Amino acid sequence: MLLGINGFAHNLPDGNVGIIAQGTQGALAEFIELCNLGPRGANVDSVNTVWRKPKEMFGSFEMR
């Protein structure tokens, strides 16, 4: 990913998308802005953000 974000995104049973993302504070801020826009054709109602210390480190970003 161009922002240098690592982690993963996955569809939740309720239709929402869960994302675990790791990166610099600036890259994560930009990533959150992009999440608020969503992909073409998507309707993003809200983005909830929880900041935590990582339990594991990811080496790439993937869709699960």
PDB file of N, CA and C in Angstrom:
ATOM      1  N   MET A   1       0.854  -1.180   0.000  1.00  0.00           N
ATOM      2  CA  MET A   1       0.000   0.000   0.000  1.00  0.00           C
ATOM      3  C   MET A   1       0.892   1.232   0.000  1.00  0.00           C
ATOM      4  N   LEU A   2       0.483   2.256  -0.691  1.00  0.00           N
ATOM      5  CA  LEU A   2       1.305   3.447  -0.864  1.00  0.00           C
ATOM      6  C   LEU A   2       1.563   4.215   0.426  1.00  0.00           C
ATOM      7  N   LEU A   3       0.668   4.127   1.397  1.00  0.00           N
ATOM      8  CA  LEU A   3       0.838   4.864   2.649  1.00  0.00           C
ATOM      9  C   LEU A   3       1.776   4.171   3.623  1.00  0.00           C
ATOM     10  N   GLY A   4       2.160   2.951   3.341  1.00  0.00           N
ATOM     11  CA  GLY A   4       2.998   2.199   4.261  1.00  0.00           C
ATOM     12  C   GLY A   4       2.222   1.614   5.422  1.00  0.00           C
ATOM     13  N   ILE A   5       0.941   1.367   5.209  1.00  0.00           N
ATOM     14  CA  ILE A   5       0.078   0.790   6.233  1.00  0.00           C
ATOM     15  C   ILE A   5       0.158  -0.730   6.147  1.00  0.00           C
ATOM     16  N   ASN A   6       0.285  -1.383   7.286  1.00  0.00           N
ATOM     17  CA  ASN A   6       0.255  -2.840   7.365  1.00  0.00           C
ATOM     18  C   ASN A   6      -0.951  -3.265   8.182  1.00  0.00           C
ATOM     19  N   GLY A   7      -1.426  -4.485   7.954  1.00  0.00           N
ATOM     20  CA  GLY A   7      -2.561  -5.018   8.704  1.00  0.00           C
ATOM     21  C   GLY A   7      -3.509  -5.751   7.784  1.00  0.00           C
ATOM     22  N   PHE A   8      -4.817  -5.665   8.089  1.00  0.00           N
ATOM     23  CA  PHE A   8      -5.789  -6.364   7.252  1.00  0.00           C
ATOM     24  C   PHE A   8      -7.174  -5.739   7.395  1.00  0.00           C
ATOM     25  N   ALA A   9      -8.006  -6.022   6.412  1.00  0.00           N
ATOM     26  CA  ALA A   9      -9.417  -5.632   6.422  1.00  0.00           C
ATOM     27  C   ALA A   9     -10.242  -6.884   6.182  1.00  0.00           C
ATOM     28  N   HIS A  10     -11.415  -6.947   6.810  1.00  0.00           N
ATOM     29  CA  HIS A  10     -12.283  -8.105   6.609  1.00  0.00           C
ATOM     30  C   HIS A  10     -13.739  -7.685   6.786  1.00  0.00           C
ATOM     31  N   ASN A  11     -14.627  -8.378   6.080  1.00  0.00           N
ATOM     32  CA  ASN A  11     -16.060  -8.126   6.196  1.00  0.00           C
ATOM     33  C   ASN A  11     -16.592  -8.764   7.470  1.00  0.00           C
ATOM     34  N   LEU A  12     -17.410  -8.023   8.192  1.00  0.00           N
ATOM     35  CA  LEU A  12     -18.033  -8.526   9.414  1.00  0.00           C
ATOM     36  C   LEU A  12     -19.425  -9.060   9.098  1.00  0.00           C
ATOM     37  N   PRO A  13     -19.946  -9.964   9.919  1.00  0.00           N
ATOM     38  CA  PRO A  13     -21.261 -10.558   9.647  1.00  0.00           C
ATOM     39  C   PRO A  13     -22.398  -9.536   9.534  1.00  0.00           C
ATOM     40  N   ASP A  14     -22.250  -8.383  10.208  1.00  0.00           N
ATOM     41  CA  ASP A  14     -23.319  -7.377  10.174  1.00  0.00           C
ATOM     42  C   ASP A  14     -23.234  -6.441   8.972  1.00  0.00           C
ATOM     43  N   GLY A  15     -22.294  -6.705   8.046  1.00  0.00           N
ATOM     44  CA  GLY A  15     -22.163  -5.885   6.852  1.00  0.00           C
ATOM     45  C   GLY A  15     -21.128  -4.779   6.974  1.00  0.00           C
ATOM     46  N   ASN A  16     -20.600  -4.569   8.159  1.00  0.00           N
ATOM     47  CA  ASN A  16     -19.538  -3.585   8.354  1.00  0.00           C
ATOM     48  C   ASN A  16     -18.204  -4.173   7.934  1.00  0.00           C
ATOM     49  N   VAL A  17     -17.188  -3.339   7.926  1.00  0.00           N
ATOM     50  CA  VAL A  17     -15.833  -3.764   7.603  1.00  0.00           C
ATOM     51  C   VAL A  17     -14.957  -3.512   8.825  1.00  0.00           C
ATOM     52  N   GLY A  18     -14.204  -4.515   9.231  1.00  0.00           N
ATOM     53  CA  GLY A  18     -13.242  -4.363  10.319  1.00  0.00           C
ATOM     54  C   GLY A  18     -11.854  -4.204   9.730  1.00  0.00           C
ATOM     55  N   ILE A  19     -11.082  -3.296  10.314  1.00  0.00           N
ATOM     56  CA  ILE A  19      -9.725  -3.054   9.822  1.00  0.00           C
ATOM     57  C   ILE A  19      -8.779  -2.987  11.016  1.00  0.00           C
ATOM     58  N   ILE A  20      -7.672  -3.701  10.924  1.00  0.00           N
ATOM     59  CA  ILE A  20      -6.549  -3.564  11.846  1.00  0.00           C
ATOM     60  C   ILE A  20      -5.432  -2.945  11.016  1.00  0.00           C
ATOM     61  N   ALA A  21      -4.966  -1.765  11.417  1.00  0.00           N
ATOM     62  CA  ALA A  21      -3.972  -1.053  10.620  1.00  0.00           C
ATOM     63  C   ALA A  21      -2.821  -0.588  11.503  1.00  0.00           C
ATOM     64  N   GLN A  22      -1.608  -0.692  10.966  1.00  0.00           N
ATOM     65  CA  GLN A  22      -0.404  -0.250  11.651  1.00  0.00           C
ATOM     66  C   GLN A  22       0.397   0.643  10.712  1.00  0.00           C
ATOM     67  N   GLY A  23       0.972   1.684  11.260  1.00  0.00           N
ATOM     68  CA  GLY A  23       1.790   2.595  10.473  1.00  0.00           C
ATOM     69  C   GLY A  23       2.134   3.814  11.303  1.00  0.00           C
ATOM     70  N   THR A  24       2.750   4.804  10.667  1.00  0.00           N
ATOM     71  CA  THR A  24       3.055   6.041  11.373  1.00  0.00           C
ATOM     72  C   THR A  24       1.761   6.785  11.675  1.00  0.00           C
ATOM     73  N   GLN A  25       1.822   7.691  12.625  1.00  0.00           N
ATOM     74  CA  GLN A  25       0.627   8.443  12.987  1.00  0.00           C
ATOM     75  C   GLN A  25       0.086   9.225  11.782  1.00  0.00           C
ATOM     76  N   GLY A  26       0.979   9.842  11.007  1.00  0.00           N
ATOM     77  CA  GLY A  26       0.555  10.594   9.833  1.00  0.00           C
ATOM     78  C   GLY A  26      -0.086   9.703   8.780  1.00  0.00           C
ATOM     79  N   ALA A  27       0.517   8.531   8.532  1.00  0.00           N
ATOM     80  CA  ALA A  27      -0.034   7.605   7.542  1.00  0.00           C
ATOM     81  C   ALA A  27      -1.385   7.075   7.993  1.00  0.00           C
ATOM     82  N   LEU A  28      -1.517   6.792   9.290  1.00  0.00           N
ATOM     83  CA  LEU A  28      -2.799   6.299   9.797  1.00  0.00           C
ATOM     84  C   LEU A  28      -3.874   7.375   9.713  1.00  0.00           C
ATOM     85  N   ALA A  29      -3.521   8.626   9.970  1.00  0.00           N
ATOM     86  CA  ALA A  29      -4.487   9.719   9.853  1.00  0.00           C
ATOM     87  C   ALA A  29      -5.000   9.836   8.414  1.00  0.00           C
ATOM     88  N   GLU A  30      -4.088   9.731   7.448  1.00  0.00           N
ATOM     89  CA  GLU A  30      -4.486   9.783   6.040  1.00  0.00           C
ATOM     90  C   GLU A  30      -5.331   8.568   5.660  1.00  0.00           C
ATOM     91  N   PHE A  31      -4.960   7.400   6.181  1.00  0.00           N
ATOM     92  CA  PHE A  31      -5.716   6.177   5.927  1.00  0.00           C
ATOM     93  C   PHE A  31      -7.148   6.311   6.449  1.00  0.00           C
ATOM     94  N   ILE A  32      -7.307   6.871   7.642  1.00  0.00           N
ATOM     95  CA  ILE A  32      -8.641   7.062   8.220  1.00  0.00           C
ATOM     96  C   ILE A  32      -9.463   8.003   7.351  1.00  0.00           C
ATOM     97  N   GLU A  33      -8.847   9.061   6.832  1.00  0.00           N
ATOM     98  CA  GLU A  33      -9.558   9.967   5.919  1.00  0.00           C
ATOM     99  C   GLU A  33     -10.038   9.211   4.683  1.00  0.00           C
ATOM    100  N   LEU A  34      -9.180   8.359   4.124  1.00  0.00           N
ATOM    101  CA  LEU A  34      -9.562   7.569   2.949  1.00  0.00           C
ATOM    102  C   LEU A  34     -10.683   6.586   3.289  1.00  0.00           C
ATOM    103  N   CYS A  35     -10.645   6.025   4.490  1.00  0.00           N
ATOM    104  CA  CYS A  35     -11.714   5.113   4.917  1.00  0.00           C
ATOM    105  C   CYS A  35     -13.044   5.850   4.994  1.00  0.00           C
ATOM    106  N   ASN A  36     -13.026   7.099   5.415  1.00  0.00           N
ATOM    107  CA  ASN A  36     -14.253   7.889   5.464  1.00  0.00           C
ATOM    108  C   ASN A  36     -14.848   8.105   4.074  1.00  0.00           C
ATOM    109  N   LEU A  37     -14.006   8.178   3.059  1.00  0.00           N
ATOM    110  CA  LEU A  37     -14.484   8.320   1.684  1.00  0.00           C
ATOM    111  C   LEU A  37     -15.012   6.993   1.153  1.00  0.00           C
ATOM    112  N   GLY A  38     -14.319   5.903   1.486  1.00  0.00           N
ATOM    113  CA  GLY A  38     -14.705   4.581   1.001  1.00  0.00           C
ATOM    114  C   GLY A  38     -14.380   4.404  -0.465  1.00  0.00           C
ATOM    115  N   PRO A  39     -14.486   3.179  -0.963  1.00  0.00           N
ATOM    116  CA  PRO A  39     -14.256   2.925  -2.384  1.00  0.00           C
ATOM    117  C   PRO A  39     -15.432   3.419  -3.224  1.00  0.00           C
ATOM    118  N   ARG A  40     -15.221   3.524  -4.505  1.00  0.00           N
ATOM    119  CA  ARG A  40     -16.265   3.963  -5.430  1.00  0.00           C
ATOM    120  C   ARG A  40     -17.505   3.092  -5.255  1.00  0.00           C
ATOM    121  N   GLY A  41     -18.647   3.720  -5.115  1.00  0.00           N
ATOM    122  CA  GLY A  41     -19.903   3.002  -4.986  1.00  0.00           C
ATOM    123  C   GLY A  41     -20.269   2.633  -3.565  1.00  0.00           C
ATOM    124  N   ALA A  42     -19.371   2.885  -2.617  1.00  0.00           N
ATOM    125  CA  ALA A  42     -19.656   2.537  -1.218  1.00  0.00           C
ATOM    126  C   ALA A  42     -20.373   3.679  -0.516  1.00  0.00           C
ATOM    127  N   ASN A  43     -21.122   3.347   0.508  1.00  0.00           N
ATOM    128  CA  ASN A  43     -21.771   4.341   1.350  1.00  0.00           C
ATOM    129  C   ASN A  43     -21.201   4.182   2.761  1.00  0.00           C
ATOM    130  N   VAL A  44     -20.326   5.094   3.155  1.00  0.00           N
ATOM    131  CA  VAL A  44     -19.703   5.037   4.482  1.00  0.00           C
ATOM    132  C   VAL A  44     -20.510   5.921   5.416  1.00  0.00           C
ATOM    133  N   ASP A  45     -21.144   5.307   6.413  1.00  0.00           N
ATOM    134  CA  ASP A  45     -21.925   6.061   7.395  1.00  0.00           C
ATOM    135  C   ASP A  45     -21.033   6.659   8.468  1.00  0.00           C
ATOM    136  N   SER A  46     -20.051   5.898   8.931  1.00  0.00           N
ATOM    137  CA  SER A  46     -19.147   6.389   9.971  1.00  0.00           C
ATOM    138  C   SER A  46     -17.904   5.507  10.021  1.00  0.00           C
ATOM    139  N   VAL A  47     -16.866   6.058  10.605  1.00  0.00           N
ATOM    140  CA  VAL A  47     -15.629   5.317  10.849  1.00  0.00           C
ATOM    141  C   VAL A  47     -15.325   5.457  12.336  1.00  0.00           C
ATOM    142  N   ASN A  48     -15.301   4.351  13.038  1.00  0.00           N
ATOM    143  CA  ASN A  48     -14.972   4.338  14.460  1.00  0.00           C
ATOM    144  C   ASN A  48     -13.515   3.930  14.611  1.00  0.00           C
ATOM    145  N   THR A  49     -12.764   4.695  15.390  1.00  0.00           N
ATOM    146  CA  THR A  49     -11.334   4.457  15.541  1.00  0.00           C
ATOM    147  C   THR A  49     -11.002   4.163  16.995  1.00  0.00           C
ATOM    148  N   VAL A  50     -10.235   3.104  17.209  1.00  0.00           N
ATOM    149  CA  VAL A  50      -9.733   2.745  18.536  1.00  0.00           C
ATOM    150  C   VAL A  50      -8.220   2.598  18.400  1.00  0.00           C
ATOM    151  N   TRP A  51      -7.473   3.336  19.207  1.00  0.00           N
ATOM    152  CA  TRP A  51      -6.017   3.268  19.174  1.00  0.00           C
ATOM    153  C   TRP A  51      -5.544   2.309  20.259  1.00  0.00           C
ATOM    154  N   ARG A  52      -4.691   1.356  19.868  1.00  0.00           N
ATOM    155  CA  ARG A  52      -4.152   0.378  20.817  1.00  0.00           C
ATOM    156  C   ARG A  52      -2.702   0.080  20.478  1.00  0.00           C
ATOM    157  N   LYS A  53      -1.978  -0.392  21.465  1.00  0.00           N
ATOM    158  CA  LYS A  53      -0.618  -0.881  21.199  1.00  0.00           C
ATOM    159  C   LYS A  53      -0.745  -2.215  20.470  1.00  0.00           C
ATOM    160  N   PRO A  54       0.099  -2.461  19.470  1.00  0.00           N
ATOM    161  CA  PRO A  54      -0.011  -3.702  18.699  1.00  0.00           C
ATOM    162  C   PRO A  54       0.275  -4.942  19.536  1.00  0.00           C
ATOM    163  N   LYS A  55      -0.535  -5.989  19.295  1.00  0.00           N
ATOM    164  CA  LYS A  55      -0.288  -7.289  19.904  1.00  0.00           C
ATOM    165  C   LYS A  55       0.612  -8.135  19.010  1.00  0.00           C
ATOM    166  N   GLU A  56       0.580  -7.829  17.708  1.00  0.00           N
ATOM    167  CA  GLU A  56       1.454  -8.494  16.741  1.00  0.00           C
ATOM    168  C   GLU A  56       1.784  -7.497  15.648  1.00  0.00           C
ATOM    169  N   MET A  57       2.875  -7.724  14.944  1.00  0.00           N
ATOM    170  CA  MET A  57       3.289  -6.836  13.871  1.00  0.00           C
ATOM    171  C   MET A  57       2.978  -7.496  12.528  1.00  0.00           C
ATOM    172  N   PHE A  58       2.451  -6.701  11.604  1.00  0.00           N
ATOM    173  CA  PHE A  58       2.126  -7.189  10.267  1.00  0.00           C
ATOM    174  C   PHE A  58       3.153  -6.647   9.276  1.00  0.00           C
ATOM    175  N   GLY A  59       3.453  -7.448   8.257  1.00  0.00           N
ATOM    176  CA  GLY A  59       4.458  -7.047   7.258  1.00  0.00           C
ATOM    177  C   GLY A  59       3.870  -6.547   5.963  1.00  0.00           C
ATOM    178  N   SER A  60       2.523  -6.595   5.849  1.00  0.00           N
ATOM    179  CA  SER A  60       1.860  -6.138   4.627  1.00  0.00           C
ATOM    180  C   SER A  60       0.403  -5.824   4.975  1.00  0.00           C
ATOM    181  N   PHE A  61      -0.357  -5.380   3.975  1.00  0.00           N
ATOM    182  CA  PHE A  61      -1.787  -5.152   4.175  1.00  0.00           C
ATOM    183  C   PHE A  61      -2.529  -6.112   3.246  1.00  0.00           C
ATOM    184  N   GLU A  62      -3.536  -6.791   3.792  1.00  0.00           N
ATOM    185  CA  GLU A  62      -4.272  -7.760   2.974  1.00  0.00           C
ATOM    186  C   GLU A  62      -5.755  -7.710   3.271  1.00  0.00           C
ATOM    187  N   MET A  63      -6.523  -8.217   2.341  1.00  0.00           N
ATOM    188  CA  MET A  63      -7.954  -8.394   2.507  1.00  0.00           C
ATOM    189  C   MET A  63      -8.168  -9.845   2.922  1.00  0.00           C
ATOM    190  N   ARG A  64      -8.946 -10.056   3.953  1.00  0.00           N
ATOM    191  CA  ARG A  64      -9.205 -11.434   4.418  1.00  0.00           C
ATOM    192  C   ARG A  64     -10.641 -11.803   4.184  1.00  0.00           C
TER     193      ARG A  64
END
